[in-house]
Amino acid sequence: MPIPPLTEERRKELVKRLHGVAEHHRVAVRNIRRDGNEAVKKLLKDKKITEDDEKKAHDEIQKLTDAYMEKIDLAAKSKEKEILEIR
């Protein structure tokens, strides 16, 4: 069964949806970061880690968060380009 090519309007609609999905994933990553930071604070409060360890853990959590945010952005840009490309 032949499938007609996408119209410009439908492509723009798909890109909007793509941006929504990407934002949903960014929020999920930020929530995971928040949970990790709270866990580290609890460990410090319970005196299971030192303040230096807390600082290192927060820095590492932020590095991981930044890396995954970048991966999400790159994937979204790549997919947007693919959607908008007319073949």
C-alpha atoms as a PDB file:
ATOM      1  CA  MET A   1       0.000   0.000   0.000  1.00  0.00           C
ATOM      2  CA  PRO A   2       1.635   3.287  -1.043  1.00  0.00           C
ATOM      3  CA  ILE A   3       2.059   5.928   1.638  1.00  0.00           C
ATOM      4  CA  PRO A   4       1.855   9.557   0.501  1.00  0.00           C
ATOM      5  CA  PRO A   5       4.759  11.870   1.375  1.00  0.00           C
ATOM      6  CA  LEU A   6       4.437  14.080   4.437  1.00  0.00           C
ATOM      7  CA  THR A   7       3.045  17.568   3.961  1.00  0.00           C
ATOM      8  CA  GLU A   8       4.871  20.588   5.351  1.00  0.00           C
ATOM      9  CA  GLU A   9       2.086  21.079   7.893  1.00  0.00           C
ATOM     10  CA  ARG A  10       2.377  17.485   9.118  1.00  0.00           C
ATOM     11  CA  ARG A  11       6.171  17.793   9.348  1.00  0.00           C
ATOM     12  CA  LYS A  12       5.839  20.898  11.549  1.00  0.00           C
ATOM     13  CA  GLU A  13       3.299  19.073  13.704  1.00  0.00           C
ATOM     14  CA  LEU A  14       5.735  16.173  14.144  1.00  0.00           C
ATOM     15  CA  VAL A  15       8.539  18.592  15.078  1.00  0.00           C
ATOM     16  CA  LYS A  16       6.313  20.190  17.758  1.00  0.00           C
ATOM     17  CA  ARG A  17       5.586  16.750  19.139  1.00  0.00           C
ATOM     18  CA  LEU A  18       9.297  15.935  19.051  1.00  0.00           C
ATOM     19  CA  HIS A  19      10.072  19.041  21.114  1.00  0.00           C
ATOM     20  CA  GLY A  20       7.435  17.984  23.644  1.00  0.00           C
ATOM     21  CA  VAL A  21       8.940  14.524  23.967  1.00  0.00           C
ATOM     22  CA  ALA A  22      12.455  15.972  24.317  1.00  0.00           C
ATOM     23  CA  GLU A  23      11.255  18.331  27.081  1.00  0.00           C
ATOM     24  CA  HIS A  24       9.581  15.405  28.838  1.00  0.00           C
ATOM     25  CA  HIS A  25      12.915  13.577  28.849  1.00  0.00           C
ATOM     26  CA  ARG A  26      14.772  16.681  30.081  1.00  0.00           C
ATOM     27  CA  VAL A  27      12.325  16.917  33.001  1.00  0.00           C
ATOM     28  CA  ALA A  28      12.881  13.229  33.766  1.00  0.00           C
ATOM     29  CA  VAL A  29      16.658  13.755  33.849  1.00  0.00           C
ATOM     30  CA  ARG A  30      16.258  16.768  36.154  1.00  0.00           C
ATOM     31  CA  ASN A  31      14.023  14.733  38.470  1.00  0.00           C
ATOM     32  CA  ILE A  32      16.639  11.999  38.630  1.00  0.00           C
ATOM     33  CA  ARG A  33      19.273  14.662  39.420  1.00  0.00           C
ATOM     34  CA  ARG A  34      17.074  16.005  42.219  1.00  0.00           C
ATOM     35  CA  ASP A  35      16.598  12.515  43.679  1.00  0.00           C
ATOM     36  CA  GLY A  36      20.349  11.882  43.545  1.00  0.00           C
ATOM     37  CA  ASN A  37      21.139  15.188  45.226  1.00  0.00           C
ATOM     38  CA  GLU A  38      18.588  14.479  47.954  1.00  0.00           C
ATOM     39  CA  ALA A  39      20.111  11.037  48.543  1.00  0.00           C
ATOM     40  CA  VAL A  40      23.568  12.594  48.879  1.00  0.00           C
ATOM     41  CA  LYS A  41      22.253  15.214  51.330  1.00  0.00           C
ATOM     42  CA  LYS A  42      20.648  12.453  53.393  1.00  0.00           C
ATOM     43  CA  LEU A  43      23.940  10.564  53.515  1.00  0.00           C
ATOM     44  CA  LEU A  44      25.669  13.727  54.743  1.00  0.00           C
ATOM     45  CA  LYS A  45      22.954  14.344  57.323  1.00  0.00           C
ATOM     46  CA  ASP A  46      23.314  10.751  58.561  1.00  0.00           C
ATOM     47  CA  LYS A  47      27.088  11.371  58.724  1.00  0.00           C
ATOM     48  CA  LYS A  48      27.832   8.506  56.332  1.00  0.00           C
ATOM     49  CA  ILE A  49      29.881  10.760  54.022  1.00  0.00           C
ATOM     50  CA  THR A  50      32.014  13.863  54.492  1.00  0.00           C
ATOM     51  CA  GLU A  51      31.258  17.334  53.136  1.00  0.00           C
ATOM     52  CA  ASP A  52      34.034  16.863  50.568  1.00  0.00           C
ATOM     53  CA  ASP A  53      32.405  13.641  49.383  1.00  0.00           C
ATOM     54  CA  GLU A  54      29.075  15.459  49.174  1.00  0.00           C
ATOM     55  CA  LYS A  55      30.606  18.175  47.004  1.00  0.00           C
ATOM     56  CA  LYS A  56      32.255  15.598  44.722  1.00  0.00           C
ATOM     57  CA  ALA A  57      28.988  13.658  44.429  1.00  0.00           C
ATOM     58  CA  HIS A  58      27.011  16.790  43.540  1.00  0.00           C
ATOM     59  CA  ASP A  59      29.621  17.711  40.923  1.00  0.00           C
ATOM     60  CA  GLU A  60      29.512  14.215  39.427  1.00  0.00           C
ATOM     61  CA  ILE A  61      25.709  14.215  39.382  1.00  0.00           C
ATOM     62  CA  GLN A  62      25.757  17.570  37.575  1.00  0.00           C
ATOM     63  CA  LYS A  63      28.304  16.304  35.030  1.00  0.00           C
ATOM     64  CA  LEU A  64      26.121  13.293  34.279  1.00  0.00           C
ATOM     65  CA  THR A  65      23.041  15.504  34.034  1.00  0.00           C
ATOM     66  CA  ASP A  66      24.786  17.837  31.583  1.00  0.00           C
ATOM     67  CA  ALA A  67      25.992  14.890  29.490  1.00  0.00           C
ATOM     68  CA  TYR A  68      22.507  13.390  29.209  1.00  0.00           C
ATOM     69  CA  MET A  69      20.912  16.779  28.474  1.00  0.00           C
ATOM     70  CA  GLU A  70      23.403  17.193  25.635  1.00  0.00           C
ATOM     71  CA  LYS A  71      22.566  13.714  24.294  1.00  0.00           C
ATOM     72  CA  ILE A  72      18.850  14.563  24.361  1.00  0.00           C
ATOM     73  CA  ASP A  73      19.465  17.864  22.556  1.00  0.00           C
ATOM     74  CA  LEU A  74      21.640  16.243  19.893  1.00  0.00           C
ATOM     75  CA  ALA A  75      19.135  13.462  19.293  1.00  0.00           C
ATOM     76  CA  ALA A  76      16.270  15.974  19.042  1.00  0.00           C
ATOM     77  CA  LYS A  77      18.168  18.200  16.591  1.00  0.00           C
ATOM     78  CA  SER A  78      19.130  15.210  14.473  1.00  0.00           C
ATOM     79  CA  LYS A  79      15.567  13.895  14.367  1.00  0.00           C
ATOM     80  CA  GLU A  80      14.167  17.382  13.624  1.00  0.00           C
ATOM     81  CA  LYS A  81      16.535  17.711  10.676  1.00  0.00           C
ATOM     82  CA  GLU A  82      15.488  14.263   9.470  1.00  0.00           C
ATOM     83  CA  ILE A  83      11.769  15.108   9.743  1.00  0.00           C
ATOM     84  CA  LEU A  84      12.075  18.436   7.948  1.00  0.00           C
ATOM     85  CA  GLU A  85      14.262  17.028   5.168  1.00  0.00           C
ATOM     86  CA  ILE A  86      12.345  16.626   1.920  1.00  0.00           C
ATOM     87  CA  ARG A  87      13.458  13.626  -0.085  1.00  0.00           C
END
